[in-house]
Amino acid sequence: MALARAVLPLIGVTTPETVGYRPSESDIAAARLVLEPWRMLTSPCFYGVDRVPRDRPVMLVGNHTLMGLLHVPLMLLGLHDRT
């Protein structure tokens, strides 16, 4: 269940158990383990992370639905690691 709680919100899936859920370090580690092969294949780069506000909510809007499903988990994990 910890793995599902960590990964499902990263891809935008919410359940009653995940609404308002803040992942623990073990959840983040589980998500990192699952996403590592995809990260190695795509080698994502992050630009402008220093401009993401840390003191208020942020809405991230994308334009490509299929790529969003594939890239959003890596983007959110990367933002977690860099902020």
Protein backbone atom coordinates (compact mmCIF):
# COMPACT_ATOMS: atom_id res chain seq x y z
CA MET A 1 0.00 0.00 0.00
CA ALA A 2 2.86 2.41 0.72
CA LEU A 3 4.07 2.09 -2.87
CA ALA A 4 0.60 2.83 -4.24
CA ARG A 5 0.23 5.82 -1.89
CA ALA A 6 3.57 7.14 -3.14
CA VAL A 7 3.14 6.57 -6.87
CA LEU A 8 -0.58 7.18 -7.51
CA PRO A 9 -0.56 10.85 -6.47
CA LEU A 10 2.54 11.36 -8.62
CA ILE A 11 0.51 10.44 -11.69
CA GLY A 12 -2.53 12.42 -10.62
CA VAL A 13 -4.65 9.55 -9.26
CA THR A 14 -6.38 10.35 -6.01
CA THR A 15 -8.33 8.10 -3.71
CA PRO A 16 -9.93 8.88 -0.36
CA GLU A 17 -6.71 7.60 1.24
CA THR A 18 -4.47 9.90 -0.84
CA VAL A 19 -6.36 13.21 -0.63
CA GLY A 20 -4.26 15.48 1.53
CA TYR A 21 -1.69 12.74 1.99
CA ARG A 22 1.89 13.88 2.44
CA PRO A 23 4.29 11.08 1.45
CA SER A 24 6.80 9.86 4.01
CA GLU A 25 10.47 9.40 3.20
CA SER A 26 9.84 5.66 2.76
CA ASP A 27 7.05 6.46 0.26
CA ILE A 28 9.40 8.76 -1.67
CA ALA A 29 12.09 6.05 -1.62
CA ALA A 30 9.57 3.51 -2.99
CA ALA A 31 8.51 5.90 -5.77
CA ARG A 32 12.15 6.62 -6.58
CA LEU A 33 12.84 2.87 -6.85
CA VAL A 34 9.89 2.30 -9.19
CA LEU A 35 10.70 5.33 -11.36
CA GLU A 36 14.47 4.77 -11.58
CA PRO A 37 14.42 2.75 -14.86
CA TRP A 38 12.29 5.45 -16.54
CA ARG A 39 14.56 8.20 -15.17
CA MET A 40 17.62 6.39 -16.56
CA LEU A 41 15.99 6.08 -19.99
CA THR A 42 14.86 9.69 -20.22
CA SER A 43 17.54 11.58 -18.24
CA PRO A 44 15.26 14.50 -17.30
CA CYS A 45 16.74 18.00 -16.87
CA PHE A 46 15.21 20.65 -14.62
CA TYR A 47 15.41 24.37 -15.40
CA GLY A 48 13.92 27.19 -13.36
CA VAL A 49 13.23 25.11 -10.25
CA ASP A 50 14.48 28.03 -8.17
CA ARG A 51 11.44 30.01 -9.37
CA VAL A 52 8.88 27.49 -8.06
CA PRO A 53 7.26 29.08 -4.99
CA ARG A 54 7.70 27.11 -1.79
CA ASP A 55 5.37 29.18 0.37
CA ARG A 56 2.10 28.62 -1.53
CA PRO A 57 0.34 26.07 -3.75
CA VAL A 58 1.40 25.73 -7.36
CA MET A 59 -0.59 24.58 -10.37
CA LEU A 60 1.42 22.81 -13.04
CA VAL A 61 -0.34 22.72 -16.40
CA GLY A 62 0.75 20.56 -19.31
CA ASN A 63 -0.27 20.29 -22.93
CA HIS A 64 0.44 16.66 -23.81
CA THR A 65 -1.76 14.11 -22.09
CA LEU A 66 0.20 10.97 -22.95
CA MET A 67 3.54 12.53 -22.13
CA GLY A 68 2.01 13.93 -18.95
CA LEU A 69 1.27 10.43 -17.75
CA LEU A 70 4.82 9.39 -18.45
CA HIS A 71 6.69 12.50 -17.34
CA VAL A 72 4.69 13.95 -14.45
CA PRO A 73 5.87 11.36 -11.91
CA LEU A 74 9.52 12.14 -12.73
CA MET A 75 8.83 15.86 -12.69
CA LEU A 76 7.19 15.74 -9.26
CA LEU A 77 9.92 13.54 -7.84
CA GLY A 78 12.53 15.90 -9.31
CA LEU A 79 10.79 18.91 -7.77
CA HIS A 80 10.66 17.09 -4.43
CA ASP A 81 14.40 16.44 -4.61
CA ARG A 82 15.30 20.00 -5.64
CA THR A 83 13.05 22.10 -3.38
